[in-house]
Amino acid sequence: MSFGGSKMANVTLRTASTEDFFRRVRDRAKRLDSGETLPAEITISFGDPAELLRILSSERVRLLPQIKGASQQVSALALGLQRDVRAVSRDVLLLEKAGLLRTRYEANPAHGRFKVVESIAREYQLVASL
């Protein structure tokens, strides 16, 4: 997933209905049609608050700020969070599938390669309505 090179977007996670989603899309389209430059932002909507909470467990919420400042290896994240590497790796995979971070591989001289975790956002915002 690429977001325009090194530009980082603000990411908003929200609960929203299908109608809310299409209202936001129409609003953005109108703003673009009028020539307005829109900020780099990503909104990820969940129709079910339970699904949002499944993705954002307390341990995964702790993980996001750890990578906001700099890319890190999974093992370094696990060490910083005082968690098992396998558990952090599973959380990274789930958060990547949800679009909240990205990973890439780098060469590790004489040892193959390692996975690096990167934030896609300079800020994560949570908006929930029940």
C-alpha atoms as a PDB file:
ATOM      1  CA  MET A   1       0.000   0.000   0.000  1.00  0.00           C
ATOM      2  CA  SER A   2       1.515   3.320  -1.025  1.00  0.00           C
ATOM      3  CA  PHE A   3       0.406   6.724   0.093  1.00  0.00           C
ATOM      4  CA  GLY A   4       2.296   9.124  -2.129  1.00  0.00           C
ATOM      5  CA  GLY A   5       5.904   8.492  -1.189  1.00  0.00           C
ATOM      6  CA  SER A   6       6.984   9.755   2.200  1.00  0.00           C
ATOM      7  CA  LYS A   7       3.809  11.751   2.893  1.00  0.00           C
ATOM      8  CA  MET A   8       2.041  10.398   5.919  1.00  0.00           C
ATOM      9  CA  ALA A   9      -1.697  10.633   6.199  1.00  0.00           C
ATOM     10  CA  ASN A  10      -3.921  11.169   9.178  1.00  0.00           C
ATOM     11  CA  VAL A  11      -5.896   7.977   9.729  1.00  0.00           C
ATOM     12  CA  THR A  12      -9.382   8.007  11.208  1.00  0.00           C
ATOM     13  CA  LEU A  13     -11.057   4.823  12.371  1.00  0.00           C
ATOM     14  CA  ARG A  14     -14.763   5.179  12.843  1.00  0.00           C
ATOM     15  CA  THR A  15     -18.008   3.380  13.180  1.00  0.00           C
ATOM     16  CA  ALA A  16     -20.344   4.456  10.420  1.00  0.00           C
ATOM     17  CA  SER A  17     -23.328   3.324   8.436  1.00  0.00           C
ATOM     18  CA  THR A  18     -23.283   2.809   4.686  1.00  0.00           C
ATOM     19  CA  GLU A  19     -25.181   6.098   4.327  1.00  0.00           C
ATOM     20  CA  ASP A  20     -22.460   7.928   6.305  1.00  0.00           C
ATOM     21  CA  PHE A  21     -19.788   6.425   4.065  1.00  0.00           C
ATOM     22  CA  PHE A  22     -21.485   7.574   0.863  1.00  0.00           C
ATOM     23  CA  ARG A  23     -22.174  11.026   2.348  1.00  0.00           C
ATOM     24  CA  ARG A  24     -18.426  11.446   3.049  1.00  0.00           C
ATOM     25  CA  VAL A  25     -17.562  10.231  -0.468  1.00  0.00           C
ATOM     26  CA  ARG A  26     -19.996  12.726  -2.054  1.00  0.00           C
ATOM     27  CA  ASP A  27     -18.602  15.541   0.108  1.00  0.00           C
ATOM     28  CA  ARG A  28     -15.011  14.764  -0.905  1.00  0.00           C
ATOM     29  CA  ALA A  29     -16.008  14.521  -4.584  1.00  0.00           C
ATOM     30  CA  LYS A  30     -17.670  17.964  -4.422  1.00  0.00           C
ATOM     31  CA  ARG A  31     -14.600  19.450  -2.780  1.00  0.00           C
ATOM     32  CA  LEU A  32     -12.323  17.929  -5.420  1.00  0.00           C
ATOM     33  CA  ASP A  33     -14.633  19.110  -8.222  1.00  0.00           C
ATOM     34  CA  SER A  34     -14.409  22.655  -6.863  1.00  0.00           C
ATOM     35  CA  GLY A  35     -10.605  22.461  -7.129  1.00  0.00           C
ATOM     36  CA  GLU A  36      -9.938  22.188  -3.406  1.00  0.00           C
ATOM     37  CA  THR A  37      -6.749  20.417  -2.396  1.00  0.00           C
ATOM     38  CA  LEU A  38      -7.584  17.806   0.191  1.00  0.00           C
ATOM     39  CA  PRO A  39      -5.232  16.827   2.986  1.00  0.00           C
ATOM     40  CA  ALA A  40      -3.648  13.389   2.986  1.00  0.00           C
ATOM     41  CA  GLU A  41      -6.108  11.405   5.070  1.00  0.00           C
ATOM     42  CA  ILE A  42      -7.492   7.917   5.255  1.00  0.00           C
ATOM     43  CA  THR A  43     -10.787   6.936   6.850  1.00  0.00           C
ATOM     44  CA  ILE A  44     -11.459   3.321   7.705  1.00  0.00           C
ATOM     45  CA  SER A  45     -15.113   2.716   8.559  1.00  0.00           C
ATOM     46  CA  PHE A  46     -16.583  -0.184  10.485  1.00  0.00           C
ATOM     47  CA  GLY A  47     -20.316  -0.842  10.325  1.00  0.00           C
ATOM     48  CA  ASP A  48     -20.122  -2.879  13.515  1.00  0.00           C
ATOM     49  CA  PRO A  49     -18.466  -1.407  16.645  1.00  0.00           C
ATOM     50  CA  ALA A  50     -17.584  -4.952  17.756  1.00  0.00           C
ATOM     51  CA  GLU A  51     -15.431  -5.407  14.630  1.00  0.00           C
ATOM     52  CA  LEU A  52     -13.621  -2.151  15.369  1.00  0.00           C
ATOM     53  CA  LEU A  53     -12.918  -3.339  18.915  1.00  0.00           C
ATOM     54  CA  ARG A  54     -11.716  -6.722  17.591  1.00  0.00           C
ATOM     55  CA  ILE A  55      -9.104  -4.934  15.467  1.00  0.00           C
ATOM     56  CA  LEU A  56      -8.143  -2.414  18.165  1.00  0.00           C
ATOM     57  CA  SER A  57      -7.447  -4.606  21.159  1.00  0.00           C
ATOM     58  CA  SER A  58      -5.615  -2.900  24.006  1.00  0.00           C
ATOM     59  CA  GLU A  59      -2.317  -4.545  22.969  1.00  0.00           C
ATOM     60  CA  ARG A  60      -2.690  -3.395  19.352  1.00  0.00           C
ATOM     61  CA  VAL A  61      -3.490   0.137  20.506  1.00  0.00           C
ATOM     62  CA  ARG A  62      -0.220   0.062  22.503  1.00  0.00           C
ATOM     63  CA  LEU A  63       1.640  -1.031  19.372  1.00  0.00           C
ATOM     64  CA  LEU A  64       0.586   1.866  17.111  1.00  0.00           C
ATOM     65  CA  PRO A  65       2.378   4.694  18.978  1.00  0.00           C
ATOM     66  CA  GLN A  66       5.543   2.583  19.148  1.00  0.00           C
ATOM     67  CA  ILE A  67       5.950   2.737  15.367  1.00  0.00           C
ATOM     68  CA  LYS A  68       4.636   6.249  14.791  1.00  0.00           C
ATOM     69  CA  GLY A  69       8.032   7.851  15.235  1.00  0.00           C
ATOM     70  CA  ALA A  70      10.263   5.400  13.393  1.00  0.00           C
ATOM     71  CA  SER A  71      10.206   2.111  11.511  1.00  0.00           C
ATOM     72  CA  GLN A  72      11.103  -0.879  13.663  1.00  0.00           C
ATOM     73  CA  GLN A  73      11.723  -4.574  13.424  1.00  0.00           C
ATOM     74  CA  VAL A  74       9.060  -6.825  14.940  1.00  0.00           C
ATOM     75  CA  SER A  75      11.586  -8.111  17.477  1.00  0.00           C
ATOM     76  CA  ALA A  76      12.382  -4.542  18.623  1.00  0.00           C
ATOM     77  CA  LEU A  77       8.658  -3.776  18.955  1.00  0.00           C
ATOM     78  CA  ALA A  78       8.164  -6.916  21.039  1.00  0.00           C
ATOM     79  CA  LEU A  79      11.075  -5.975  23.278  1.00  0.00           C
ATOM     80  CA  GLY A  80       9.811  -2.411  23.751  1.00  0.00           C
ATOM     81  CA  LEU A  81       6.297  -3.625  24.523  1.00  0.00           C
ATOM     82  CA  GLN A  82       7.569  -6.512  26.694  1.00  0.00           C
ATOM     83  CA  ARG A  83       5.559  -8.999  24.651  1.00  0.00           C
ATOM     84  CA  ASP A  84       6.196 -12.250  22.830  1.00  0.00           C
ATOM     85  CA  VAL A  85       7.563 -11.766  19.281  1.00  0.00           C
ATOM     86  CA  ARG A  86       4.986 -14.172  17.815  1.00  0.00           C
ATOM     87  CA  ALA A  87       2.095 -12.278  19.405  1.00  0.00           C
ATOM     88  CA  VAL A  88       3.409  -8.939  18.126  1.00  0.00           C
ATOM     89  CA  SER A  89       3.919 -10.473  14.690  1.00  0.00           C
ATOM     90  CA  ARG A  90       0.272 -11.642  14.628  1.00  0.00           C
ATOM     91  CA  ASP A  91      -0.883  -8.169  15.710  1.00  0.00           C
ATOM     92  CA  VAL A  92       1.243  -6.522  13.015  1.00  0.00           C
ATOM     93  CA  LEU A  93      -0.290  -8.806  10.373  1.00  0.00           C
ATOM     94  CA  LEU A  94      -3.845  -7.995  11.493  1.00  0.00           C
ATOM     95  CA  LEU A  95      -3.158  -4.243  11.648  1.00  0.00           C
ATOM     96  CA  GLU A  96      -1.557  -4.372   8.215  1.00  0.00           C
ATOM     97  CA  LYS A  97      -4.591  -6.186   6.769  1.00  0.00           C
ATOM     98  CA  ALA A  98      -6.818  -3.506   8.336  1.00  0.00           C
ATOM     99  CA  GLY A  99      -4.739  -0.814   6.589  1.00  0.00           C
ATOM    100  CA  LEU A 100      -3.296   0.724   9.754  1.00  0.00           C
ATOM    101  CA  LEU A 101       0.383   0.068   9.080  1.00  0.00           C
ATOM    102  CA  ARG A 102       2.642  -1.449   6.449  1.00  0.00           C
ATOM    103  CA  THR A 103       5.603  -3.767   6.431  1.00  0.00           C
ATOM    104  CA  ARG A 104       8.585  -4.248   4.170  1.00  0.00           C
ATOM    105  CA  TYR A 105      11.621  -6.489   4.167  1.00  0.00           C
ATOM    106  CA  GLU A 106      15.223  -5.328   4.403  1.00  0.00           C
ATOM    107  CA  ALA A 107      18.417  -7.257   3.817  1.00  0.00           C
ATOM    108  CA  ASN A 108      20.201  -8.473   6.902  1.00  0.00           C
ATOM    109  CA  PRO A 109      23.824  -9.118   5.858  1.00  0.00           C
ATOM    110  CA  ALA A 110      24.768 -12.781   6.279  1.00  0.00           C
ATOM    111  CA  HIS A 111      21.374 -13.524   7.875  1.00  0.00           C
ATOM    112  CA  GLY A 112      18.837 -13.202   5.052  1.00  0.00           C
ATOM    113  CA  ARG A 113      16.281 -10.472   5.628  1.00  0.00           C
ATOM    114  CA  PHE A 114      14.030  -9.061   8.317  1.00  0.00           C
ATOM    115  CA  LYS A 115      10.598  -7.480   8.451  1.00  0.00           C
ATOM    116  CA  VAL A 116      10.315  -3.756   9.201  1.00  0.00           C
ATOM    117  CA  VAL A 117       7.060  -2.265  10.471  1.00  0.00           C
ATOM    118  CA  GLU A 118       6.112   1.274   9.436  1.00  0.00           C
ATOM    119  CA  SER A 119       3.281   3.572  10.379  1.00  0.00           C
ATOM    120  CA  ILE A 120       1.134   4.979   7.584  1.00  0.00           C
ATOM    121  CA  ALA A 121      -0.067   7.821   9.784  1.00  0.00           C
ATOM    122  CA  ARG A 122       1.320  10.787  11.570  1.00  0.00           C
ATOM    123  CA  GLU A 123      -1.823  10.579  13.717  1.00  0.00           C
ATOM    124  CA  TYR A 124      -4.484   7.945  14.393  1.00  0.00           C
ATOM    125  CA  GLN A 125      -7.910   9.160  15.430  1.00  0.00           C
ATOM    126  CA  LEU A 126     -10.739   7.003  16.742  1.00  0.00           C
ATOM    127  CA  VAL A 127     -14.346   8.130  16.262  1.00  0.00           C
ATOM    128  CA  ALA A 128     -17.031   5.834  17.605  1.00  0.00           C
ATOM    129  CA  SER A 129     -20.781   6.308  17.811  1.00  0.00           C
ATOM    130  CA  LEU A 130     -23.034   3.727  19.387  1.00  0.00           C
END
